[in-house]
Amino acid sequence: MKTTRERNGVIMIVTRHISLDNDCIQKMEPYVEKHKGNFSAAIREIIDRAGKNSELENISTIDNTLFKWMLNEIDGLLVPDNVLDDLIGPMLINSMGKLEEYLKNKFSELEWDVDLSLKYDNDTSASEVLIEVKGSPQKIRFVARMLAQYLVKNSPEHAPLEITSVF
């Protein structure tokens, strides 16, 4: 690979060589084919996918003991609004079904071992919502509290939701 740089008024050509073994080439082949032989586009897609996967790995590989400790430390506390909005985008409230699907996928990606079910009277304008959460007691409390907080915070002004019971 050659790149041209200018330094102190002098044009420099920098050459870099990359060596790939057959195993790497075989793994890259589907990407190169997908991009019709455009090796640069294939490399960009591979790098982009690796970046997204490493972000998920960094989140999901938190030590289980540390995660339990964190859940104990925040037990009973509300999630700050900005964190809540990052975890669950406020636009999802438009459909309870989409919210449930999003949360199931999120918990699956994070490997939280949490099973969630929402029962509601109306998909787009719920006035009653039953949240069922299965998992470890710490995760159940956190997920139920976070979701209840989200639903109350994002319920419409003309029909606000309120928490009536938790058990």
N, C-alpha and C. Protein backbone atom coordinates (compact mmCIF):
# COMPACT_ATOMS: atom_id res chain seq x y z
N MET A 1 0.85 -1.15 0.00
CA MET A 1 0.00 0.00 0.00
C MET A 1 0.90 1.22 0.00
N LYS A 2 0.60 2.18 -0.87
CA LYS A 2 1.38 3.40 -0.95
C LYS A 2 0.52 4.58 -0.54
N THR A 3 1.08 5.44 0.27
CA THR A 3 0.41 6.69 0.62
C THR A 3 1.39 7.82 0.40
N THR A 4 0.86 8.98 0.09
CA THR A 4 1.69 10.15 -0.14
C THR A 4 1.47 11.12 1.00
N ARG A 5 2.57 11.61 1.57
CA ARG A 5 2.51 12.58 2.66
C ARG A 5 3.44 13.73 2.34
N GLU A 6 3.06 14.88 2.85
CA GLU A 6 3.94 16.04 2.70
C GLU A 6 4.46 16.40 4.08
N ARG A 7 5.78 16.56 4.18
CA ARG A 7 6.40 16.93 5.44
C ARG A 7 7.46 17.99 5.15
N ASN A 8 7.29 19.15 5.75
CA ASN A 8 8.23 20.26 5.57
C ASN A 8 8.43 20.59 4.09
N GLY A 9 7.37 20.57 3.31
CA GLY A 9 7.46 20.92 1.90
C GLY A 9 7.99 19.81 1.02
N VAL A 10 8.31 18.66 1.60
CA VAL A 10 8.84 17.53 0.83
C VAL A 10 7.77 16.45 0.74
N ILE A 11 7.51 15.99 -0.49
CA ILE A 11 6.53 14.93 -0.69
C ILE A 11 7.21 13.60 -0.45
N MET A 12 6.59 12.81 0.43
CA MET A 12 7.16 11.50 0.77
C MET A 12 6.17 10.42 0.37
N ILE A 13 6.66 9.34 -0.15
CA ILE A 13 5.82 8.20 -0.46
C ILE A 13 6.13 7.12 0.57
N VAL A 14 5.08 6.70 1.28
CA VAL A 14 5.24 5.69 2.32
C VAL A 14 4.63 4.40 1.79
N THR A 15 5.39 3.34 1.83
CA THR A 15 4.93 2.04 1.35
C THR A 15 4.81 1.10 2.53
N ARG A 16 3.67 0.40 2.57
CA ARG A 16 3.46 -0.58 3.64
C ARG A 16 3.06 -1.90 3.01
N HIS A 17 3.55 -2.95 3.57
CA HIS A 17 3.24 -4.28 3.06
C HIS A 17 2.49 -5.05 4.14
N ILE A 18 1.50 -5.79 3.71
CA ILE A 18 0.72 -6.60 4.62
C ILE A 18 0.84 -8.05 4.16
N SER A 19 1.18 -8.92 5.09
CA SER A 19 1.26 -10.35 4.78
C SER A 19 0.07 -11.05 5.42
N LEU A 20 -0.61 -11.86 4.64
CA LEU A 20 -1.76 -12.61 5.14
C LEU A 20 -1.54 -14.08 4.89
N ASP A 21 -1.85 -14.89 5.90
CA ASP A 21 -1.74 -16.33 5.67
C ASP A 21 -3.02 -16.83 5.00
N ASN A 22 -3.00 -18.06 4.55
CA ASN A 22 -4.14 -18.62 3.81
C ASN A 22 -5.43 -18.63 4.63
N ASP A 23 -5.31 -18.84 5.94
CA ASP A 23 -6.49 -18.85 6.79
C ASP A 23 -7.19 -17.49 6.77
N CYS A 24 -6.42 -16.42 6.86
CA CYS A 24 -6.99 -15.06 6.82
C CYS A 24 -7.63 -14.78 5.46
N ILE A 25 -6.97 -15.19 4.41
CA ILE A 25 -7.50 -14.96 3.07
C ILE A 25 -8.82 -15.69 2.89
N GLN A 26 -8.92 -16.92 3.38
CA GLN A 26 -10.17 -17.68 3.28
C GLN A 26 -11.29 -16.99 4.05
N LYS A 27 -10.99 -16.43 5.22
CA LYS A 27 -12.01 -15.74 6.01
C LYS A 27 -12.46 -14.45 5.33
N MET A 28 -11.58 -13.83 4.57
CA MET A 28 -11.90 -12.57 3.90
C MET A 28 -12.62 -12.77 2.58
N GLU A 29 -12.48 -13.95 2.01
CA GLU A 29 -13.01 -14.22 0.67
C GLU A 29 -14.49 -13.86 0.50
N PRO A 30 -15.39 -14.22 1.43
CA PRO A 30 -16.80 -13.86 1.24
C PRO A 30 -17.02 -12.34 1.18
N TYR A 31 -16.24 -11.60 1.92
CA TYR A 31 -16.37 -10.14 1.91
C TYR A 31 -15.88 -9.56 0.58
N VAL A 32 -14.79 -10.11 0.09
CA VAL A 32 -14.25 -9.64 -1.19
C VAL A 32 -15.24 -9.96 -2.30
N GLU A 33 -15.83 -11.15 -2.27
CA GLU A 33 -16.84 -11.51 -3.27
C GLU A 33 -18.06 -10.61 -3.17
N LYS A 34 -18.49 -10.34 -1.95
CA LYS A 34 -19.66 -9.47 -1.72
C LYS A 34 -19.43 -8.09 -2.33
N HIS A 35 -18.19 -7.61 -2.25
CA HIS A 35 -17.86 -6.27 -2.76
C HIS A 35 -17.25 -6.34 -4.17
N LYS A 36 -17.53 -7.46 -4.86
CA LYS A 36 -17.12 -7.64 -6.26
C LYS A 36 -15.64 -7.38 -6.50
N GLY A 37 -14.82 -7.96 -5.62
CA GLY A 37 -13.38 -7.85 -5.77
C GLY A 37 -12.76 -6.59 -5.18
N ASN A 38 -13.55 -5.69 -4.65
CA ASN A 38 -13.03 -4.46 -4.05
C ASN A 38 -12.48 -4.79 -2.67
N PHE A 39 -11.18 -5.00 -2.61
CA PHE A 39 -10.51 -5.41 -1.39
C PHE A 39 -10.63 -4.35 -0.29
N SER A 40 -10.52 -3.08 -0.66
CA SER A 40 -10.62 -1.99 0.32
C SER A 40 -11.99 -1.97 0.98
N ALA A 41 -13.04 -2.13 0.19
CA ALA A 41 -14.40 -2.14 0.74
C ALA A 41 -14.58 -3.34 1.66
N ALA A 42 -14.02 -4.49 1.28
CA ALA A 42 -14.11 -5.69 2.12
C ALA A 42 -13.42 -5.46 3.46
N ILE A 43 -12.24 -4.87 3.43
CA ILE A 43 -11.49 -4.59 4.67
C ILE A 43 -12.27 -3.61 5.54
N ARG A 44 -12.86 -2.57 4.94
CA ARG A 44 -13.64 -1.60 5.72
C ARG A 44 -14.81 -2.28 6.42
N GLU A 45 -15.51 -3.18 5.72
CA GLU A 45 -16.64 -3.88 6.33
C GLU A 45 -16.16 -4.78 7.47
N ILE A 46 -15.06 -5.47 7.28
CA ILE A 46 -14.52 -6.35 8.32
C ILE A 46 -14.15 -5.53 9.56
N ILE A 47 -13.50 -4.40 9.35
CA ILE A 47 -13.11 -3.53 10.47
C ILE A 47 -14.35 -3.00 11.18
N ASP A 48 -15.36 -2.59 10.41
CA ASP A 48 -16.59 -2.07 11.00
C ASP A 48 -17.27 -3.14 11.85
N ARG A 49 -17.38 -4.35 11.32
CA ARG A 49 -18.01 -5.45 12.07
C ARG A 49 -17.21 -5.77 13.32
N ALA A 50 -15.89 -5.79 13.21
CA ALA A 50 -15.04 -6.09 14.37
C ALA A 50 -15.23 -5.04 15.46
N GLY A 51 -15.35 -3.78 15.06
CA GLY A 51 -15.56 -2.71 16.02
C GLY A 51 -16.88 -2.87 16.76
N LYS A 52 -17.94 -3.19 16.03
CA LYS A 52 -19.25 -3.38 16.65
C LYS A 52 -19.23 -4.58 17.58
N ASN A 53 -18.59 -5.68 17.15
CA ASN A 53 -18.54 -6.87 17.99
C ASN A 53 -17.71 -6.63 19.24
N SER A 54 -16.61 -5.89 19.14
CA SER A 54 -15.79 -5.65 20.32
C SER A 54 -16.52 -4.77 21.31
N GLU A 55 -17.37 -3.84 20.83
CA GLU A 55 -18.16 -3.02 21.74
C GLU A 55 -19.10 -3.91 22.53
N LEU A 56 -19.76 -4.86 21.86
CA LEU A 56 -20.65 -5.77 22.55
C LEU A 56 -19.89 -6.67 23.51
N GLU A 57 -18.71 -7.15 23.10
CA GLU A 57 -17.92 -8.00 23.96
C GLU A 57 -17.49 -7.26 25.21
N ASN A 58 -17.10 -6.00 25.07
CA ASN A 58 -16.69 -5.23 26.23
C ASN A 58 -17.82 -5.09 27.23
N ILE A 59 -19.04 -4.97 26.74
CA ILE A 59 -20.19 -4.83 27.62
C ILE A 59 -20.55 -6.17 28.24
N SER A 60 -20.56 -7.22 27.44
CA SER A 60 -21.09 -8.49 27.91
C SER A 60 -20.09 -9.33 28.69
N THR A 61 -18.82 -9.03 28.63
CA THR A 61 -17.85 -9.87 29.31
C THR A 61 -17.46 -9.33 30.68
N ILE A 62 -18.28 -8.44 31.23
CA ILE A 62 -18.00 -7.96 32.57
C ILE A 62 -18.07 -9.14 33.52
N ASP A 63 -17.18 -9.20 34.45
CA ASP A 63 -17.10 -10.30 35.40
C ASP A 63 -18.42 -10.44 36.14
N ASN A 64 -18.91 -11.67 36.26
CA ASN A 64 -20.20 -11.93 36.88
C ASN A 64 -20.24 -11.45 38.34
N THR A 65 -19.15 -11.64 39.07
CA THR A 65 -19.09 -11.19 40.45
C THR A 65 -19.19 -9.67 40.53
N LEU A 66 -18.47 -8.99 39.64
CA LEU A 66 -18.52 -7.54 39.60
C LEU A 66 -19.92 -7.06 39.23
N PHE A 67 -20.55 -7.73 38.27
CA PHE A 67 -21.89 -7.36 37.85
C PHE A 67 -22.88 -7.50 39.01
N LYS A 68 -22.80 -8.61 39.75
CA LYS A 68 -23.68 -8.80 40.91
C LYS A 68 -23.44 -7.72 41.96
N TRP A 69 -22.20 -7.38 42.19
CA TRP A 69 -21.87 -6.33 43.15
C TRP A 69 -22.48 -5.00 42.72
N MET A 70 -22.35 -4.69 41.42
CA MET A 70 -22.92 -3.44 40.91
C MET A 70 -24.43 -3.41 41.08
N LEU A 71 -25.09 -4.53 40.79
CA LEU A 71 -26.54 -4.59 40.96
C LEU A 71 -26.93 -4.39 42.43
N ASN A 72 -26.16 -4.97 43.35
CA ASN A 72 -26.43 -4.77 44.78
C ASN A 72 -26.25 -3.31 45.18
N GLU A 73 -25.23 -2.66 44.65
CA GLU A 73 -24.94 -1.28 45.02
C GLU A 73 -26.01 -0.31 44.54
N ILE A 74 -26.64 -0.60 43.41
CA ILE A 74 -27.65 0.32 42.89
C ILE A 74 -29.07 -0.11 43.24
N ASP A 75 -29.19 -1.18 44.04
CA ASP A 75 -30.52 -1.67 44.41
C ASP A 75 -31.32 -0.56 45.08
N GLY A 76 -32.50 -0.30 44.56
CA GLY A 76 -33.37 0.73 45.12
C GLY A 76 -33.17 2.11 44.52
N LEU A 77 -32.14 2.30 43.72
CA LEU A 77 -31.89 3.60 43.11
C LEU A 77 -32.51 3.67 41.72
N LEU A 78 -32.98 4.85 41.34
CA LEU A 78 -33.46 5.05 39.99
C LEU A 78 -32.27 5.22 39.05
N VAL A 79 -32.45 4.80 37.82
CA VAL A 79 -31.42 4.96 36.81
C VAL A 79 -31.45 6.42 36.34
N PRO A 80 -30.30 7.10 36.27
CA PRO A 80 -30.31 8.49 35.77
C PRO A 80 -30.96 8.56 34.39
N ASP A 81 -31.71 9.64 34.14
CA ASP A 81 -32.46 9.77 32.89
C ASP A 81 -31.59 9.60 31.64
N ASN A 82 -30.39 10.18 31.64
CA ASN A 82 -29.55 10.08 30.44
C ASN A 82 -29.10 8.63 30.21
N VAL A 83 -28.85 7.89 31.27
CA VAL A 83 -28.46 6.47 31.14
C VAL A 83 -29.67 5.66 30.67
N LEU A 84 -30.82 5.96 31.23
CA LEU A 84 -32.05 5.27 30.84
C LEU A 84 -32.34 5.49 29.36
N ASP A 85 -32.17 6.73 28.90
CA ASP A 85 -32.40 7.03 27.48
C ASP A 85 -31.38 6.33 26.58
N ASP A 86 -30.15 6.14 27.06
CA ASP A 86 -29.15 5.41 26.29
C ASP A 86 -29.48 3.92 26.23
N LEU A 87 -29.97 3.38 27.34
CA LEU A 87 -30.32 1.95 27.38
C LEU A 87 -31.54 1.64 26.54
N ILE A 88 -32.56 2.48 26.67
CA ILE A 88 -33.83 2.27 25.96
C ILE A 88 -34.21 3.59 25.31
N GLY A 89 -34.09 3.68 23.99
CA GLY A 89 -34.42 4.91 23.28
C GLY A 89 -35.87 5.31 23.50
N PRO A 90 -36.14 6.56 23.86
CA PRO A 90 -37.50 7.01 24.15
C PRO A 90 -38.50 6.82 23.01
N MET A 91 -38.04 6.71 21.79
CA MET A 91 -38.96 6.55 20.66
C MET A 91 -39.61 5.17 20.64
N LEU A 92 -39.10 4.21 21.40
CA LEU A 92 -39.65 2.86 21.39
C LEU A 92 -41.00 2.77 22.07
N ILE A 93 -41.37 3.76 22.85
CA ILE A 93 -42.63 3.74 23.57
C ILE A 93 -43.82 3.75 22.63
N ASN A 94 -43.62 4.07 21.36
CA ASN A 94 -44.71 4.10 20.38
C ASN A 94 -45.35 2.74 20.18
N SER A 95 -44.67 1.67 20.56
CA SER A 95 -45.22 0.33 20.41
C SER A 95 -44.68 -0.55 21.53
N MET A 96 -45.58 -1.10 22.30
CA MET A 96 -45.17 -1.98 23.40
C MET A 96 -44.53 -3.25 22.85
N GLY A 97 -45.05 -3.73 21.72
CA GLY A 97 -44.48 -4.93 21.10
C GLY A 97 -43.05 -4.72 20.67
N LYS A 98 -42.78 -3.55 20.06
CA LYS A 98 -41.41 -3.24 19.64
C LYS A 98 -40.50 -3.04 20.85
N LEU A 99 -41.03 -2.45 21.91
CA LEU A 99 -40.25 -2.27 23.13
C LEU A 99 -39.87 -3.62 23.72
N GLU A 100 -40.82 -4.53 23.78
CA GLU A 100 -40.54 -5.87 24.31
C GLU A 100 -39.50 -6.60 23.46
N GLU A 101 -39.66 -6.53 22.14
CA GLU A 101 -38.70 -7.18 21.24
C GLU A 101 -37.30 -6.58 21.39
N TYR A 102 -37.23 -5.24 21.47
CA TYR A 102 -35.95 -4.55 21.64
C TYR A 102 -35.26 -5.00 22.92
N LEU A 103 -36.01 -5.03 24.03
CA LEU A 103 -35.42 -5.41 25.31
C LEU A 103 -34.97 -6.86 25.33
N LYS A 104 -35.75 -7.76 24.74
CA LYS A 104 -35.34 -9.16 24.67
C LYS A 104 -34.02 -9.30 23.90
N ASN A 105 -33.91 -8.60 22.77
CA ASN A 105 -32.68 -8.63 21.99
C ASN A 105 -31.52 -8.03 22.78
N LYS A 106 -31.76 -6.92 23.45
CA LYS A 106 -30.71 -6.24 24.23
C LYS A 106 -30.20 -7.16 25.34
N PHE A 107 -31.11 -7.79 26.10
CA PHE A 107 -30.69 -8.67 27.18
C PHE A 107 -29.98 -9.89 26.64
N SER A 108 -30.39 -10.37 25.48
CA SER A 108 -29.72 -11.51 24.85
C SER A 108 -28.30 -11.14 24.43
N GLU A 109 -28.14 -9.97 23.80
CA GLU A 109 -26.81 -9.51 23.39
C GLU A 109 -25.88 -9.34 24.59
N LEU A 110 -26.44 -8.85 25.69
CA LEU A 110 -25.65 -8.62 26.89
C LEU A 110 -25.45 -9.89 27.71
N GLU A 111 -26.07 -10.97 27.28
CA GLU A 111 -25.98 -12.27 27.96
C GLU A 111 -26.38 -12.15 29.42
N TRP A 112 -27.51 -11.49 29.68
CA TRP A 112 -27.98 -11.27 31.04
C TRP A 112 -28.80 -12.44 31.58
N ASP A 113 -29.22 -13.38 30.75
CA ASP A 113 -30.07 -14.49 31.18
C ASP A 113 -31.33 -13.97 31.88
N VAL A 114 -32.00 -13.04 31.21
CA VAL A 114 -33.24 -12.46 31.71
C VAL A 114 -34.33 -12.75 30.68
N ASP A 115 -35.46 -13.26 31.17
CA ASP A 115 -36.61 -13.48 30.30
C ASP A 115 -37.66 -12.43 30.64
N LEU A 116 -38.13 -11.73 29.64
CA LEU A 116 -39.04 -10.61 29.84
C LEU A 116 -40.31 -10.81 29.03
N SER A 117 -41.43 -10.47 29.64
CA SER A 117 -42.71 -10.53 28.94
C SER A 117 -43.52 -9.31 29.35
N LEU A 118 -44.10 -8.62 28.37
CA LEU A 118 -44.98 -7.48 28.64
C LEU A 118 -46.39 -7.85 28.21
N LYS A 119 -47.34 -7.59 29.08
CA LYS A 119 -48.75 -7.77 28.73
C LYS A 119 -49.39 -6.40 28.89
N TYR A 120 -50.13 -5.98 27.88
CA TYR A 120 -50.65 -4.61 27.86
C TYR A 120 -52.02 -4.61 27.21
N ASP A 121 -52.79 -3.56 27.51
CA ASP A 121 -54.14 -3.46 26.98
C ASP A 121 -54.19 -2.86 25.58
N ASN A 122 -53.15 -2.12 25.19
CA ASN A 122 -53.14 -1.49 23.87
C ASN A 122 -51.68 -1.34 23.43
N ASP A 123 -51.35 -1.80 22.25
CA ASP A 123 -49.97 -1.79 21.78
C ASP A 123 -49.40 -0.38 21.62
N THR A 124 -50.19 0.56 21.16
CA THR A 124 -49.66 1.89 20.88
C THR A 124 -50.00 2.93 21.94
N SER A 125 -50.97 2.65 22.78
CA SER A 125 -51.37 3.61 23.81
C SER A 125 -51.80 2.85 25.06
N ALA A 126 -50.88 2.18 25.69
CA ALA A 126 -51.20 1.32 26.84
C ALA A 126 -51.57 2.15 28.06
N SER A 127 -52.63 1.72 28.74
CA SER A 127 -52.98 2.34 30.01
C SER A 127 -52.69 1.38 31.16
N GLU A 128 -52.53 0.10 30.83
CA GLU A 128 -52.17 -0.91 31.81
C GLU A 128 -51.10 -1.81 31.21
N VAL A 129 -50.03 -2.03 31.99
CA VAL A 129 -48.93 -2.88 31.54
C VAL A 129 -48.54 -3.80 32.68
N LEU A 130 -48.43 -5.08 32.39
CA LEU A 130 -47.94 -6.05 33.35
C LEU A 130 -46.56 -6.48 32.87
N ILE A 131 -45.57 -6.36 33.73
CA ILE A 131 -44.20 -6.72 33.38
C ILE A 131 -43.86 -8.01 34.12
N GLU A 132 -43.49 -9.04 33.37
CA GLU A 132 -43.02 -10.29 33.97
C GLU A 132 -41.55 -10.45 33.62
N VAL A 133 -40.75 -10.62 34.65
CA VAL A 133 -39.31 -10.78 34.46
C VAL A 133 -38.86 -12.04 35.19
N LYS A 134 -38.10 -12.86 34.50
CA LYS A 134 -37.54 -14.07 35.10
C LYS A 134 -36.03 -14.01 34.99
N GLY A 135 -35.35 -14.43 36.03
CA GLY A 135 -33.90 -14.43 36.08
C GLY A 135 -33.46 -14.43 37.53
N SER A 136 -32.23 -14.03 37.78
CA SER A 136 -31.77 -13.95 39.16
C SER A 136 -32.51 -12.81 39.86
N PRO A 137 -32.73 -12.92 41.17
CA PRO A 137 -33.47 -11.87 41.90
C PRO A 137 -32.90 -10.46 41.68
N GLN A 138 -31.58 -10.35 41.64
CA GLN A 138 -30.95 -9.03 41.45
C GLN A 138 -31.28 -8.46 40.08
N LYS A 139 -31.20 -9.29 39.06
CA LYS A 139 -31.49 -8.82 37.70
C LYS A 139 -32.97 -8.52 37.54
N ILE A 140 -33.82 -9.33 38.16
CA ILE A 140 -35.26 -9.08 38.08
C ILE A 140 -35.58 -7.71 38.65
N ARG A 141 -35.05 -7.41 39.84
CA ARG A 141 -35.32 -6.11 40.47
C ARG A 141 -34.83 -4.96 39.60
N PHE A 142 -33.62 -5.11 39.06
CA PHE A 142 -33.06 -4.03 38.25
C PHE A 142 -33.86 -3.81 36.98
N VAL A 143 -34.14 -4.89 36.25
CA VAL A 143 -34.86 -4.77 34.98
C VAL A 143 -36.27 -4.24 35.21
N ALA A 144 -36.96 -4.77 36.22
CA ALA A 144 -38.33 -4.31 36.50
C ALA A 144 -38.33 -2.83 36.89
N ARG A 145 -37.40 -2.44 37.73
CA ARG A 145 -37.32 -1.04 38.15
C ARG A 145 -37.01 -0.12 36.97
N MET A 146 -36.03 -0.53 36.15
CA MET A 146 -35.63 0.27 35.00
C MET A 146 -36.79 0.40 33.99
N LEU A 147 -37.46 -0.71 33.71
CA LEU A 147 -38.55 -0.68 32.74
C LEU A 147 -39.75 0.11 33.27
N ALA A 148 -40.08 -0.07 34.54
CA ALA A 148 -41.18 0.69 35.12
C ALA A 148 -40.86 2.19 35.08
N GLN A 149 -39.64 2.54 35.43
CA GLN A 149 -39.21 3.94 35.37
C GLN A 149 -39.34 4.47 33.94
N TYR A 150 -38.90 3.68 32.97
CA TYR A 150 -38.97 4.09 31.57
C TYR A 150 -40.42 4.31 31.13
N LEU A 151 -41.30 3.37 31.48
CA LEU A 151 -42.70 3.47 31.06
C LEU A 151 -43.39 4.69 31.68
N VAL A 152 -43.15 4.93 32.96
CA VAL A 152 -43.76 6.08 33.62
C VAL A 152 -43.21 7.37 33.03
N LYS A 153 -41.90 7.44 32.85
CA LYS A 153 -41.26 8.65 32.33
C LYS A 153 -41.76 8.99 30.92
N ASN A 154 -42.00 7.96 30.10
CA ASN A 154 -42.34 8.18 28.70
C ASN A 154 -43.82 7.98 28.39
N SER A 155 -44.66 7.85 29.42
CA SER A 155 -46.09 7.71 29.14
C SER A 155 -46.66 9.06 28.73
N PRO A 156 -47.69 9.04 27.90
CA PRO A 156 -48.26 10.31 27.43
C PRO A 156 -48.87 11.12 28.58
N GLU A 157 -48.81 12.44 28.45
CA GLU A 157 -49.31 13.32 29.50
C GLU A 157 -50.81 13.15 29.71
N HIS A 158 -51.55 12.85 28.64
CA HIS A 158 -53.00 12.72 28.77
C HIS A 158 -53.42 11.41 29.43
N ALA A 159 -52.52 10.43 29.48
CA ALA A 159 -52.83 9.14 30.11
C ALA A 159 -51.58 8.58 30.78
N PRO A 160 -51.09 9.25 31.84
CA PRO A 160 -49.84 8.80 32.45
C PRO A 160 -49.99 7.44 33.13
N LEU A 161 -48.96 6.63 33.02
CA LEU A 161 -48.92 5.35 33.71
C LEU A 161 -48.38 5.57 35.12
N GLU A 162 -48.83 4.76 36.04
CA GLU A 162 -48.27 4.81 37.38
C GLU A 162 -48.09 3.38 37.87
N ILE A 163 -47.15 3.18 38.76
CA ILE A 163 -46.86 1.84 39.29
C ILE A 163 -47.86 1.58 40.40
N THR A 164 -48.61 0.45 40.29
CA THR A 164 -49.60 0.13 41.31
C THR A 164 -49.15 -1.00 42.21
N SER A 165 -48.31 -1.90 41.72
CA SER A 165 -47.83 -2.98 42.59
C SER A 165 -46.54 -3.57 42.03
N VAL A 166 -45.75 -4.08 42.94
CA VAL A 166 -44.53 -4.78 42.59
C VAL A 166 -44.43 -5.98 43.52
N PHE A 167 -44.28 -7.16 42.93
CA PHE A 167 -44.12 -8.37 43.77
C PHE A 167 -43.31 -9.39 43.06
